[in-house]
Amino acid sequence: TFARAALARLGVREGDVFNADRLDAGLRRLWFRGAFSDVSVET
């Protein structure tokens, strides 16, 4: 998977105000694409 494709589906960008709900929604979007067996995030 191209990193830019994963980041586009994640839906957050550098410099945006931190929003945990948007980050969680992006993780769900990535998970439900069906291409990954595990998706997690560390801050």
PDB file of all heavy atoms in Angstrom:
ATOM      1  N   THR A   1       0.823  -1.204   0.000  1.00  0.00           N
ATOM      2  CA  THR A   1       0.000   0.000   0.000  1.00  0.00           C
ATOM      3  C   THR A   1       0.857   1.254   0.000  1.00  0.00           C
ATOM      4  O   THR A   1       1.801   1.366   0.776  1.00  0.00           O
ATOM      5  CB  THR A   1      -0.907   0.019   1.244  1.00  0.00           C
ATOM      6  OG1 THR A   1      -1.639  -1.202   1.305  1.00  0.00           O
ATOM      7  CG2 THR A   1      -1.860   1.179   1.216  1.00  0.00           C
ATOM      8  N   PHE A   2       0.522   2.205  -0.862  1.00  0.00           N
ATOM      9  CA  PHE A   2       1.203   3.485  -0.867  1.00  0.00           C
ATOM     10  C   PHE A   2       0.850   4.250   0.408  1.00  0.00           C
ATOM     11  O   PHE A   2      -0.304   4.285   0.822  1.00  0.00           O
ATOM     12  CB  PHE A   2       0.794   4.331  -2.081  1.00  0.00           C
ATOM     13  CG  PHE A   2       1.318   3.812  -3.378  1.00  0.00           C
ATOM     14  CD1 PHE A   2       0.457   3.287  -4.320  1.00  0.00           C
ATOM     15  CD2 PHE A   2       2.678   3.841  -3.654  1.00  0.00           C
ATOM     16  CE1 PHE A   2       0.938   2.807  -5.527  1.00  0.00           C
ATOM     17  CE2 PHE A   2       3.163   3.367  -4.852  1.00  0.00           C
ATOM     18  CZ  PHE A   2       2.290   2.848  -5.796  1.00  0.00           C
ATOM     19  N   ALA A   3       1.863   4.879   1.027  1.00  0.00           N
ATOM     20  CA  ALA A   3       1.630   5.645   2.259  1.00  0.00           C
ATOM     21  C   ALA A   3       0.639   6.780   2.014  1.00  0.00           C
ATOM     22  O   ALA A   3      -0.224   7.042   2.845  1.00  0.00           O
ATOM     23  CB  ALA A   3       2.949   6.199   2.793  1.00  0.00           C
ATOM     24  N   ARG A   4       0.731   7.434   0.865  1.00  0.00           N
ATOM     25  CA  ARG A   4      -0.184   8.560   0.601  1.00  0.00           C
ATOM     26  C   ARG A   4      -1.634   8.094   0.492  1.00  0.00           C
ATOM     27  O   ARG A   4      -2.545   8.820   0.840  1.00  0.00           O
ATOM     28  CB  ARG A   4       0.247   9.324  -0.642  1.00  0.00           C
ATOM     29  CG  ARG A   4       0.113   8.596  -1.939  1.00  0.00           C
ATOM     30  CD  ARG A   4       0.505   9.492  -3.124  1.00  0.00           C
ATOM     31  NE  ARG A   4       0.234   8.839  -4.376  1.00  0.00           N
ATOM     32  CZ  ARG A   4       1.075   8.064  -5.020  1.00  0.00           C
ATOM     33  NH1 ARG A   4       2.292   7.851  -4.522  1.00  0.00           N
ATOM     34  NH2 ARG A   4       0.733   7.504  -6.166  1.00  0.00           N
ATOM     35  N   ALA A   5      -1.865   6.852   0.021  1.00  0.00           N
ATOM     36  CA  ALA A   5      -3.225   6.314  -0.049  1.00  0.00           C
ATOM     37  C   ALA A   5      -3.777   6.073   1.352  1.00  0.00           C
ATOM     38  O   ALA A   5      -4.929   6.390   1.641  1.00  0.00           O
ATOM     39  CB  ALA A   5      -3.251   5.029  -0.859  1.00  0.00           C
ATOM     40  N   ALA A   6      -2.949   5.527   2.236  1.00  0.00           N
ATOM     41  CA  ALA A   6      -3.380   5.292   3.616  1.00  0.00           C
ATOM     42  C   ALA A   6      -3.635   6.611   4.336  1.00  0.00           C
ATOM     43  O   ALA A   6      -4.613   6.758   5.069  1.00  0.00           O
ATOM     44  CB  ALA A   6      -2.336   4.465   4.361  1.00  0.00           C
ATOM     45  N   LEU A   7      -2.754   7.587   4.127  1.00  0.00           N
ATOM     46  CA  LEU A   7      -2.928   8.890   4.790  1.00  0.00           C
ATOM     47  C   LEU A   7      -4.159   9.622   4.267  1.00  0.00           C
ATOM     48  O   LEU A   7      -4.838  10.314   5.024  1.00  0.00           O
ATOM     49  CB  LEU A   7      -1.673   9.740   4.612  1.00  0.00           C
ATOM     50  CG  LEU A   7      -0.432   9.224   5.340  1.00  0.00           C
ATOM     51  CD1 LEU A   7       0.782  10.079   4.996  1.00  0.00           C
ATOM     52  CD2 LEU A   7      -0.656   9.177   6.834  1.00  0.00           C
ATOM     53  N   ALA A   8      -4.459   9.470   2.988  1.00  0.00           N
ATOM     54  CA  ALA A   8      -5.659  10.107   2.440  1.00  0.00           C
ATOM     55  C   ALA A   8      -6.912   9.523   3.072  1.00  0.00           C
ATOM     56  O   ALA A   8      -7.861  10.255   3.391  1.00  0.00           O
ATOM     57  CB  ALA A   8      -5.701   9.948   0.929  1.00  0.00           C
ATOM     58  N   ARG A   9      -6.939   8.200   3.281  1.00  0.00           N
ATOM     59  CA  ARG A   9      -8.097   7.561   3.915  1.00  0.00           C
ATOM     60  C   ARG A   9      -8.166   7.888   5.406  1.00  0.00           C
ATOM     61  O   ARG A   9      -9.240   7.890   5.982  1.00  0.00           O
ATOM     62  CB  ARG A   9      -8.056   6.055   3.731  1.00  0.00           C
ATOM     63  CG  ARG A   9      -8.174   5.546   2.331  1.00  0.00           C
ATOM     64  CD  ARG A   9      -9.546   5.762   1.751  1.00  0.00           C
ATOM     65  NE  ARG A   9      -9.812   5.053   0.519  1.00  0.00           N
ATOM     66  CZ  ARG A   9      -9.296   5.334  -0.662  1.00  0.00           C
ATOM     67  NH1 ARG A   9      -8.428   6.293  -0.788  1.00  0.00           N
ATOM     68  NH2 ARG A   9      -9.655   4.641  -1.733  1.00  0.00           N
ATOM     69  N   LEU A  10      -7.011   8.152   6.016  1.00  0.00           N
ATOM     70  CA  LEU A  10      -7.004   8.506   7.437  1.00  0.00           C
ATOM     71  C   LEU A  10      -7.736   9.825   7.660  1.00  0.00           C
ATOM     72  O   LEU A  10      -8.441   9.991   8.647  1.00  0.00           O
ATOM     73  CB  LEU A  10      -5.569   8.582   7.958  1.00  0.00           C
ATOM     74  CG  LEU A  10      -5.396   8.810   9.448  1.00  0.00           C
ATOM     75  CD1 LEU A  10      -6.007   7.676  10.256  1.00  0.00           C
ATOM     76  CD2 LEU A  10      -3.913   8.954   9.788  1.00  0.00           C
ATOM     77  N   GLY A  11      -7.580  10.770   6.745  1.00  0.00           N
ATOM     78  CA  GLY A  11      -8.384  11.985   6.784  1.00  0.00           C
ATOM     79  C   GLY A  11      -7.903  13.080   7.711  1.00  0.00           C
ATOM     80  O   GLY A  11      -8.657  14.004   7.996  1.00  0.00           O
ATOM     81  N   VAL A  12      -6.688  13.012   8.202  1.00  0.00           N
ATOM     82  CA  VAL A  12      -6.128  14.104   9.009  1.00  0.00           C
ATOM     83  C   VAL A  12      -4.846  14.573   8.343  1.00  0.00           C
ATOM     84  O   VAL A  12      -4.165  13.804   7.672  1.00  0.00           O
ATOM     85  CB  VAL A  12      -5.864  13.682  10.478  1.00  0.00           C
ATOM     86  CG1 VAL A  12      -7.154  13.337  11.189  1.00  0.00           C
ATOM     87  CG2 VAL A  12      -4.888  12.533  10.555  1.00  0.00           C
ATOM     88  N   ARG A  13      -4.528  15.851   8.534  1.00  0.00           N
ATOM     89  CA  ARG A  13      -3.334  16.428   7.910  1.00  0.00           C
ATOM     90  C   ARG A  13      -2.486  17.132   8.954  1.00  0.00           C
ATOM     91  O   ARG A  13      -2.996  17.603   9.969  1.00  0.00           O
ATOM     92  CB  ARG A  13      -3.748  17.432   6.841  1.00  0.00           C
ATOM     93  CG  ARG A  13      -4.442  16.799   5.684  1.00  0.00           C
ATOM     94  CD  ARG A  13      -4.634  17.806   4.570  1.00  0.00           C
ATOM     95  NE  ARG A  13      -5.260  17.145   3.448  1.00  0.00           N
ATOM     96  CZ  ARG A  13      -6.256  17.645   2.771  1.00  0.00           C
ATOM     97  NH1 ARG A  13      -6.747  18.817   3.087  1.00  0.00           N
ATOM     98  NH2 ARG A  13      -6.762  16.975   1.758  1.00  0.00           N
ATOM     99  N   GLU A  14      -1.219  17.228   8.617  1.00  0.00           N
ATOM    100  CA  GLU A  14      -0.308  17.962   9.496  1.00  0.00           C
ATOM    101  C   GLU A  14      -0.777  19.407   9.608  1.00  0.00           C
ATOM    102  O   GLU A  14      -1.154  20.035   8.625  1.00  0.00           O
ATOM    103  CB  GLU A  14       1.107  17.919   8.930  1.00  0.00           C
ATOM    104  CG  GLU A  14       1.700  16.536   8.912  1.00  0.00           C
ATOM    105  CD  GLU A  14       3.079  16.492   8.269  1.00  0.00           C
ATOM    106  OE1 GLU A  14       3.700  17.555   8.104  1.00  0.00           O
ATOM    107  OE2 GLU A  14       3.518  15.386   7.931  1.00  0.00           O
ATOM    108  N   GLY A  15      -0.781  19.915  10.830  1.00  0.00           N
ATOM    109  CA  GLY A  15      -1.183  21.294  11.075  1.00  0.00           C
ATOM    110  C   GLY A  15      -2.639  21.447  11.462  1.00  0.00           C
ATOM    111  O   GLY A  15      -3.031  22.474  12.014  1.00  0.00           O
ATOM    112  N   ASP A  16      -3.499  20.442  11.181  1.00  0.00           N
ATOM    113  CA  ASP A  16      -4.903  20.498  11.600  1.00  0.00           C
ATOM    114  C   ASP A  16      -4.981  20.456  13.121  1.00  0.00           C
ATOM    115  O   ASP A  16      -4.114  19.890  13.782  1.00  0.00           O
ATOM    116  CB  ASP A  16      -5.691  19.311  11.054  1.00  0.00           C
ATOM    117  CG  ASP A  16      -5.938  19.388   9.560  1.00  0.00           C
ATOM    118  OD1 ASP A  16      -5.643  20.448   8.962  1.00  0.00           O
ATOM    119  OD2 ASP A  16      -6.412  18.384   8.996  1.00  0.00           O
ATOM    120  N   VAL A  17      -6.036  21.028  13.665  1.00  0.00           N
ATOM    121  CA  VAL A  17      -6.276  20.944  15.110  1.00  0.00           C
ATOM    122  C   VAL A  17      -6.527  19.483  15.465  1.00  0.00           C
ATOM    123  O   VAL A  17      -7.286  18.788  14.778  1.00  0.00           O
ATOM    124  CB  VAL A  17      -7.482  21.819  15.516  1.00  0.00           C
ATOM    125  CG1 VAL A  17      -7.819  21.627  16.984  1.00  0.00           C
ATOM    126  CG2 VAL A  17      -7.183  23.284  15.223  1.00  0.00           C
ATOM    127  N   PHE A  18      -5.872  19.012  16.528  1.00  0.00           N
ATOM    128  CA  PHE A  18      -6.002  17.612  16.917  1.00  0.00           C
ATOM    129  C   PHE A  18      -7.439  17.323  17.315  1.00  0.00           C
ATOM    130  O   PHE A  18      -8.044  18.031  18.117  1.00  0.00           O
ATOM    131  CB  PHE A  18      -5.069  17.283  18.088  1.00  0.00           C
ATOM    132  CG  PHE A  18      -5.109  15.835  18.470  1.00  0.00           C
ATOM    133  CD1 PHE A  18      -4.359  14.914  17.766  1.00  0.00           C
ATOM    134  CD2 PHE A  18      -5.907  15.399  19.505  1.00  0.00           C
ATOM    135  CE1 PHE A  18      -4.391  13.571  18.103  1.00  0.00           C
ATOM    136  CE2 PHE A  18      -5.949  14.063  19.846  1.00  0.00           C
ATOM    137  CZ  PHE A  18      -5.193  13.142  19.140  1.00  0.00           C
ATOM    138  N   ASN A  19      -7.999  16.249  16.724  1.00  0.00           N
ATOM    139  CA  ASN A  19      -9.361  15.831  17.007  1.00  0.00           C
ATOM    140  C   ASN A  19      -9.361  14.307  17.061  1.00  0.00           C
ATOM    141  O   ASN A  19      -9.213  13.639  16.030  1.00  0.00           O
ATOM    142  CB  ASN A  19     -10.302  16.345  15.912  1.00  0.00           C
ATOM    143  CG  ASN A  19     -11.752  16.045  16.201  1.00  0.00           C
ATOM    144  OD1 ASN A  19     -12.079  15.056  16.844  1.00  0.00           O
ATOM    145  ND2 ASN A  19     -12.622  16.903  15.702  1.00  0.00           N
ATOM    146  N   ALA A  20      -9.528  13.759  18.258  1.00  0.00           N
ATOM    147  CA  ALA A  20      -9.478  12.309  18.441  1.00  0.00           C
ATOM    148  C   ALA A  20     -10.613  11.608  17.709  1.00  0.00           C
ATOM    149  O   ALA A  20     -10.435  10.495  17.201  1.00  0.00           O
ATOM    150  CB  ALA A  20      -9.519  11.968  19.923  1.00  0.00           C
ATOM    151  N   ASP A  21     -11.786  12.237  17.602  1.00  0.00           N
ATOM    152  CA  ASP A  21     -12.905  11.626  16.894  1.00  0.00           C
ATOM    153  C   ASP A  21     -12.597  11.473  15.404  1.00  0.00           C
ATOM    154  O   ASP A  21     -12.923  10.454  14.804  1.00  0.00           O
ATOM    155  CB  ASP A  21     -14.187  12.452  17.073  1.00  0.00           C
ATOM    156  CG  ASP A  21     -14.703  12.407  18.504  1.00  0.00           C
ATOM    157  OD1 ASP A  21     -14.403  11.422  19.215  1.00  0.00           O
ATOM    158  OD2 ASP A  21     -15.403  13.352  18.905  1.00  0.00           O
ATOM    159  N   ARG A  22     -11.988  12.481  14.798  1.00  0.00           N
ATOM    160  CA  ARG A  22     -11.609  12.380  13.386  1.00  0.00           C
ATOM    161  C   ARG A  22     -10.562  11.292  13.168  1.00  0.00           C
ATOM    162  O   ARG A  22     -10.603  10.565  12.183  1.00  0.00           O
ATOM    163  CB  ARG A  22     -11.069  13.712  12.872  1.00  0.00           C
ATOM    164  CG  ARG A  22     -12.153  14.682  12.513  1.00  0.00           C
ATOM    165  CD  ARG A  22     -11.639  15.957  11.923  1.00  0.00           C
ATOM    166  NE  ARG A  22     -10.740  15.730  10.793  1.00  0.00           N
ATOM    167  CZ  ARG A  22      -9.868  16.624  10.362  1.00  0.00           C
ATOM    168  NH1 ARG A  22      -9.761  17.797  10.959  1.00  0.00           N
ATOM    169  NH2 ARG A  22      -9.093  16.367   9.327  1.00  0.00           N
ATOM    170  N   LEU A  23      -9.638  11.175  14.108  1.00  0.00           N
ATOM    171  CA  LEU A  23      -8.608  10.149  14.027  1.00  0.00           C
ATOM    172  C   LEU A  23      -9.229   8.756  14.136  1.00  0.00           C
ATOM    173  O   LEU A  23      -8.893   7.852  13.360  1.00  0.00           O
ATOM    174  CB  LEU A  23      -7.560  10.371  15.113  1.00  0.00           C
ATOM    175  CG  LEU A  23      -6.253   9.616  15.001  1.00  0.00           C
ATOM    176  CD1 LEU A  23      -5.561   9.890  13.682  1.00  0.00           C
ATOM    177  CD2 LEU A  23      -5.336   9.970  16.159  1.00  0.00           C
ATOM    178  N   ASP A  24     -10.160   8.564  15.061  1.00  0.00           N
ATOM    179  CA  ASP A  24     -10.846   7.279  15.200  1.00  0.00           C
ATOM    180  C   ASP A  24     -11.673   6.942  13.961  1.00  0.00           C
ATOM    181  O   ASP A  24     -11.699   5.796  13.524  1.00  0.00           O
ATOM    182  CB  ASP A  24     -11.752   7.279  16.430  1.00  0.00           C
ATOM    183  CG  ASP A  24     -10.976   7.224  17.735  1.00  0.00           C
ATOM    184  OD1 ASP A  24      -9.792   6.847  17.705  1.00  0.00           O
ATOM    185  OD2 ASP A  24     -11.551   7.574  18.776  1.00  0.00           O
ATOM    186  N   ALA A  25     -12.356   7.938  13.409  1.00  0.00           N
ATOM    187  CA  ALA A  25     -13.140   7.711  12.189  1.00  0.00           C
ATOM    188  C   ALA A  25     -12.230   7.301  11.035  1.00  0.00           C
ATOM    189  O   ALA A  25     -12.578   6.423  10.240  1.00  0.00           O
ATOM    190  CB  ALA A  25     -13.933   8.967  11.828  1.00  0.00           C
ATOM    191  N   GLY A  26     -11.057   7.897  10.937  1.00  0.00           N
ATOM    192  CA  GLY A  26     -10.099   7.530   9.904  1.00  0.00           C
ATOM    193  C   GLY A  26      -9.594   6.106  10.075  1.00  0.00           C
ATOM    194  O   GLY A  26      -9.417   5.380   9.099  1.00  0.00           O
ATOM    195  N   LEU A  27      -9.354   5.699  11.320  1.00  0.00           N
ATOM    196  CA  LEU A  27      -8.925   4.322  11.588  1.00  0.00           C
ATOM    197  C   LEU A  27     -10.008   3.336  11.158  1.00  0.00           C
ATOM    198  O   LEU A  27      -9.704   2.298  10.570  1.00  0.00           O
ATOM    199  CB  LEU A  27      -8.602   4.134  13.063  1.00  0.00           C
ATOM    200  CG  LEU A  27      -7.300   4.760  13.546  1.00  0.00           C
ATOM    201  CD1 LEU A  27      -7.158   4.623  15.048  1.00  0.00           C
ATOM    202  CD2 LEU A  27      -6.122   4.140  12.839  1.00  0.00           C
ATOM    203  N   ARG A  28     -11.277   3.655  11.450  1.00  0.00           N
ATOM    204  CA  ARG A  28     -12.375   2.786  11.035  1.00  0.00           C
ATOM    205  C   ARG A  28     -12.459   2.704   9.504  1.00  0.00           C
ATOM    206  O   ARG A  28     -12.690   1.629   8.945  1.00  0.00           O
ATOM    207  CB  ARG A  28     -13.700   3.266  11.618  1.00  0.00           C
ATOM    208  CG  ARG A  28     -13.879   2.910  13.082  1.00  0.00           C
ATOM    209  CD  ARG A  28     -15.297   3.145  13.553  1.00  0.00           C
ATOM    210  NE  ARG A  28     -15.763   4.505  13.373  1.00  0.00           N
ATOM    211  CZ  ARG A  28     -15.518   5.518  14.197  1.00  0.00           C
ATOM    212  NH1 ARG A  28     -14.799   5.309  15.282  1.00  0.00           N
ATOM    213  NH2 ARG A  28     -15.992   6.719  13.957  1.00  0.00           N
ATOM    214  N   ARG A  29     -12.274   3.848   8.831  1.00  0.00           N
ATOM    215  CA  ARG A  29     -12.288   3.845   7.361  1.00  0.00           C
ATOM    216  C   ARG A  29     -11.216   2.912   6.808  1.00  0.00           C
ATOM    217  O   ARG A  29     -11.461   2.141   5.878  1.00  0.00           O
ATOM    218  CB  ARG A  29     -12.056   5.260   6.817  1.00  0.00           C
ATOM    219  CG  ARG A  29     -13.293   5.990   6.434  1.00  0.00           C
ATOM    220  CD  ARG A  29     -12.983   7.246   5.649  1.00  0.00           C
ATOM    221  NE  ARG A  29     -11.985   8.125   6.234  1.00  0.00           N
ATOM    222  CZ  ARG A  29     -12.218   9.027   7.175  1.00  0.00           C
ATOM    223  NH1 ARG A  29     -13.441   9.174   7.656  1.00  0.00           N
ATOM    224  NH2 ARG A  29     -11.256   9.786   7.639  1.00  0.00           N
ATOM    225  N   LEU A  30     -10.027   2.994   7.357  1.00  0.00           N
ATOM    226  CA  LEU A  30      -8.934   2.125   6.908  1.00  0.00           C
ATOM    227  C   LEU A  30      -9.237   0.656   7.193  1.00  0.00           C
ATOM    228  O   LEU A  30      -8.987  -0.214   6.365  1.00  0.00           O
ATOM    229  CB  LEU A  30      -7.625   2.530   7.582  1.00  0.00           C
ATOM    230  CG  LEU A  30      -6.962   3.782   7.032  1.00  0.00           C
ATOM    231  CD1 LEU A  30      -5.856   4.245   7.957  1.00  0.00           C
ATOM    232  CD2 LEU A  30      -6.424   3.520   5.631  1.00  0.00           C
ATOM    233  N   TRP A  31      -9.765   0.390   8.362  1.00  0.00           N
ATOM    234  CA  TRP A  31     -10.070  -0.983   8.758  1.00  0.00           C
ATOM    235  C   TRP A  31     -11.103  -1.598   7.817  1.00  0.00           C
ATOM    236  O   TRP A  31     -10.960  -2.721   7.351  1.00  0.00           O
ATOM    237  CB  TRP A  31     -10.578  -1.003  10.195  1.00  0.00           C
ATOM    238  CG  TRP A  31     -10.948  -2.365  10.658  1.00  0.00           C
ATOM    239  CD1 TRP A  31     -12.207  -2.887  10.735  1.00  0.00           C
ATOM    240  CD2 TRP A  31     -10.076  -3.398  11.090  1.00  0.00           C
ATOM    241  NE1 TRP A  31     -12.165  -4.166  11.183  1.00  0.00           N
ATOM    242  CE2 TRP A  31     -10.871  -4.508  11.418  1.00  0.00           C
ATOM    243  CE3 TRP A  31      -8.702  -3.482  11.237  1.00  0.00           C
ATOM    244  CZ2 TRP A  31     -10.333  -5.694  11.885  1.00  0.00           C
ATOM    245  CZ3 TRP A  31      -8.169  -4.676  11.708  1.00  0.00           C
ATOM    246  CH2 TRP A  31      -8.980  -5.757  12.032  1.00  0.00           C
ATOM    247  N   PHE A  32     -12.153  -0.843   7.511  1.00  0.00           N
ATOM    248  CA  PHE A  32     -13.245  -1.376   6.703  1.00  0.00           C
ATOM    249  C   PHE A  32     -12.945  -1.415   5.214  1.00  0.00           C
ATOM    250  O   PHE A  32     -13.757  -1.902   4.434  1.00  0.00           O
ATOM    251  CB  PHE A  32     -14.547  -0.625   6.978  1.00  0.00           C
ATOM    252  CG  PHE A  32     -15.138  -0.961   8.321  1.00  0.00           C
ATOM    253  CD1 PHE A  32     -15.284   0.009   9.289  1.00  0.00           C
ATOM    254  CD2 PHE A  32     -15.518  -2.255   8.622  1.00  0.00           C
ATOM    255  CE1 PHE A  32     -15.806  -0.303  10.532  1.00  0.00           C
ATOM    256  CE2 PHE A  32     -16.044  -2.580   9.856  1.00  0.00           C
ATOM    257  CZ  PHE A  32     -16.192  -1.602  10.818  1.00  0.00           C
ATOM    258  N   ARG A  33     -11.788  -0.923   4.775  1.00  0.00           N
ATOM    259  CA  ARG A  33     -11.396  -1.097   3.379  1.00  0.00           C
ATOM    260  C   ARG A  33     -11.146  -2.573   3.076  1.00  0.00           C
ATOM    261  O   ARG A  33     -11.225  -3.000   1.946  1.00  0.00           O
ATOM    262  CB  ARG A  33     -10.123  -0.310   3.050  1.00  0.00           C
ATOM    263  CG  ARG A  33     -10.240   1.179   3.035  1.00  0.00           C
ATOM    264  CD  ARG A  33     -11.296   1.712   2.133  1.00  0.00           C
ATOM    265  NE  ARG A  33     -11.124   1.297   0.747  1.00  0.00           N
ATOM    266  CZ  ARG A  33     -12.066   1.434  -0.168  1.00  0.00           C
ATOM    267  NH1 ARG A  33     -13.220   1.949   0.136  1.00  0.00           N
ATOM    268  NH2 ARG A  33     -11.855   1.038  -1.404  1.00  0.00           N
ATOM    269  N   GLY A  34     -10.804  -3.349   4.098  1.00  0.00           N
ATOM    270  CA  GLY A  34     -10.588  -4.780   3.912  1.00  0.00           C
ATOM    271  C   GLY A  34      -9.190  -5.152   3.463  1.00  0.00           C
ATOM    272  O   GLY A  34      -8.918  -6.304   3.181  1.00  0.00           O
ATOM    273  N   ALA A  35      -8.298  -4.186   3.392  1.00  0.00           N
ATOM    274  CA  ALA A  35      -6.932  -4.465   2.941  1.00  0.00           C
ATOM    275  C   ALA A  35      -5.988  -4.761   4.095  1.00  0.00           C
ATOM    276  O   ALA A  35      -4.897  -5.275   3.875  1.00  0.00           O
ATOM    277  CB  ALA A  35      -6.398  -3.278   2.137  1.00  0.00           C
ATOM    278  N   PHE A  36      -6.402  -4.439   5.321  1.00  0.00           N
ATOM    279  CA  PHE A  36      -5.511  -4.581   6.471  1.00  0.00           C
ATOM    280  C   PHE A  36      -6.098  -5.556   7.484  1.00  0.00           C
ATOM    281  O   PHE A  36      -7.300  -5.581   7.725  1.00  0.00           O
ATOM    282  CB  PHE A  36      -5.304  -3.223   7.161  1.00  0.00           C
ATOM    283  CG  PHE A  36      -4.749  -2.173   6.251  1.00  0.00           C
ATOM    284  CD1 PHE A  36      -5.503  -1.064   5.906  1.00  0.00           C
ATOM    285  CD2 PHE A  36      -3.475  -2.286   5.721  1.00  0.00           C
ATOM    286  CE1 PHE A  36      -5.000  -0.092   5.070  1.00  0.00           C
ATOM    287  CE2 PHE A  36      -2.961  -1.325   4.878  1.00  0.00           C
ATOM    288  CZ  PHE A  36      -3.720  -0.224   4.554  1.00  0.00           C
ATOM    289  N   SER A  37      -5.226  -6.342   8.094  1.00  0.00           N
ATOM    290  CA  SER A  37      -5.663  -7.232   9.166  1.00  0.00           C
ATOM    291  C   SER A  37      -5.547  -6.555  10.525  1.00  0.00           C
ATOM    292  O   SER A  37      -6.161  -6.996  11.489  1.00  0.00           O
ATOM    293  CB  SER A  37      -4.845  -8.530   9.150  1.00  0.00           C
ATOM    294  OG  SER A  37      -3.470  -8.259   9.330  1.00  0.00           O
ATOM    295  N   ASP A  38      -4.771  -5.460  10.596  1.00  0.00           N
ATOM    296  CA  ASP A  38      -4.660  -4.698  11.843  1.00  0.00           C
ATOM    297  C   ASP A  38      -4.326  -3.249  11.516  1.00  0.00           C
ATOM    298  O   ASP A  38      -3.509  -2.986  10.631  1.00  0.00           O
ATOM    299  CB  ASP A  38      -3.580  -5.290  12.738  1.00  0.00           C
ATOM    300  CG  ASP A  38      -3.578  -4.690  14.132  1.00  0.00           C
ATOM    301  OD1 ASP A  38      -4.637  -4.222  14.580  1.00  0.00           O
ATOM    302  OD2 ASP A  38      -2.509  -4.680  14.775  1.00  0.00           O
ATOM    303  N   VAL A  39      -4.986  -2.342  12.219  1.00  0.00           N
ATOM    304  CA  VAL A  39      -4.744  -0.907  12.064  1.00  0.00           C
ATOM    305  C   VAL A  39      -4.742  -0.290  13.453  1.00  0.00           C
ATOM    306  O   VAL A  39      -5.672  -0.504  14.237  1.00  0.00           O
ATOM    307  CB  VAL A  39      -5.846  -0.230  11.208  1.00  0.00           C
ATOM    308  CG1 VAL A  39      -5.592   1.248  11.083  1.00  0.00           C
ATOM    309  CG2 VAL A  39      -5.945  -0.866   9.852  1.00  0.00           C
ATOM    310  N   SER A  40      -3.692   0.464  13.769  1.00  0.00           N
ATOM    311  CA  SER A  40      -3.635   1.158  15.058  1.00  0.00           C
ATOM    312  C   SER A  40      -2.854   2.455  14.881  1.00  0.00           C
ATOM    313  O   SER A  40      -2.208   2.672  13.863  1.00  0.00           O
ATOM    314  CB  SER A  40      -2.979   0.286  16.135  1.00  0.00           C
ATOM    315  OG  SER A  40      -1.637   0.013  15.793  1.00  0.00           O
ATOM    316  N   VAL A  41      -2.932   3.297  15.886  1.00  0.00           N
ATOM    317  CA  VAL A  41      -2.256   4.586  15.818  1.00  0.00           C
ATOM    318  C   VAL A  41      -1.581   4.867  17.157  1.00  0.00           C
ATOM    319  O   VAL A  41      -2.083   4.476  18.213  1.00  0.00           O
ATOM    320  CB  VAL A  41      -3.250   5.708  15.432  1.00  0.00           C
ATOM    321  CG1 VAL A  41      -4.248   5.981  16.533  1.00  0.00           C
ATOM    322  CG2 VAL A  41      -2.533   6.966  15.046  1.00  0.00           C
ATOM    323  N   GLU A  42      -0.429   5.493  17.083  1.00  0.00           N
ATOM    324  CA  GLU A  42       0.291   5.944  18.284  1.00  0.00           C
ATOM    325  C   GLU A  42       0.505   7.446  18.159  1.00  0.00           C
ATOM    326  O   GLU A  42       0.825   7.936  17.077  1.00  0.00           O
ATOM    327  CB  GLU A  42       1.657   5.262  18.387  1.00  0.00           C
ATOM    328  CG  GLU A  42       1.615   3.765  18.527  1.00  0.00           C
ATOM    329  CD  GLU A  42       3.004   3.152  18.461  1.00  0.00           C
ATOM    330  OE1 GLU A  42       4.000   3.873  18.728  1.00  0.00           O
ATOM    331  OE2 GLU A  42       3.096   1.963  18.120  1.00  0.00           O
ATOM    332  N   THR A  43       0.329   8.149  19.264  1.00  0.00           N
ATOM    333  CA  THR A  43       0.601   9.590  19.270  1.00  0.00           C
ATOM    334  C   THR A  43       1.654   9.881  20.331  1.00  0.00           C
ATOM    335  O   THR A  43       1.721   9.203  21.359  1.00  0.00           O
ATOM    336  CB  THR A  43      -0.670  10.414  19.578  1.00  0.00           C
ATOM    337  OG1 THR A  43      -1.184  10.016  20.847  1.00  0.00           O
ATOM    338  CG2 THR A  43      -1.722  10.220  18.513  1.00  0.00           C
TER     339      THR A  43
END
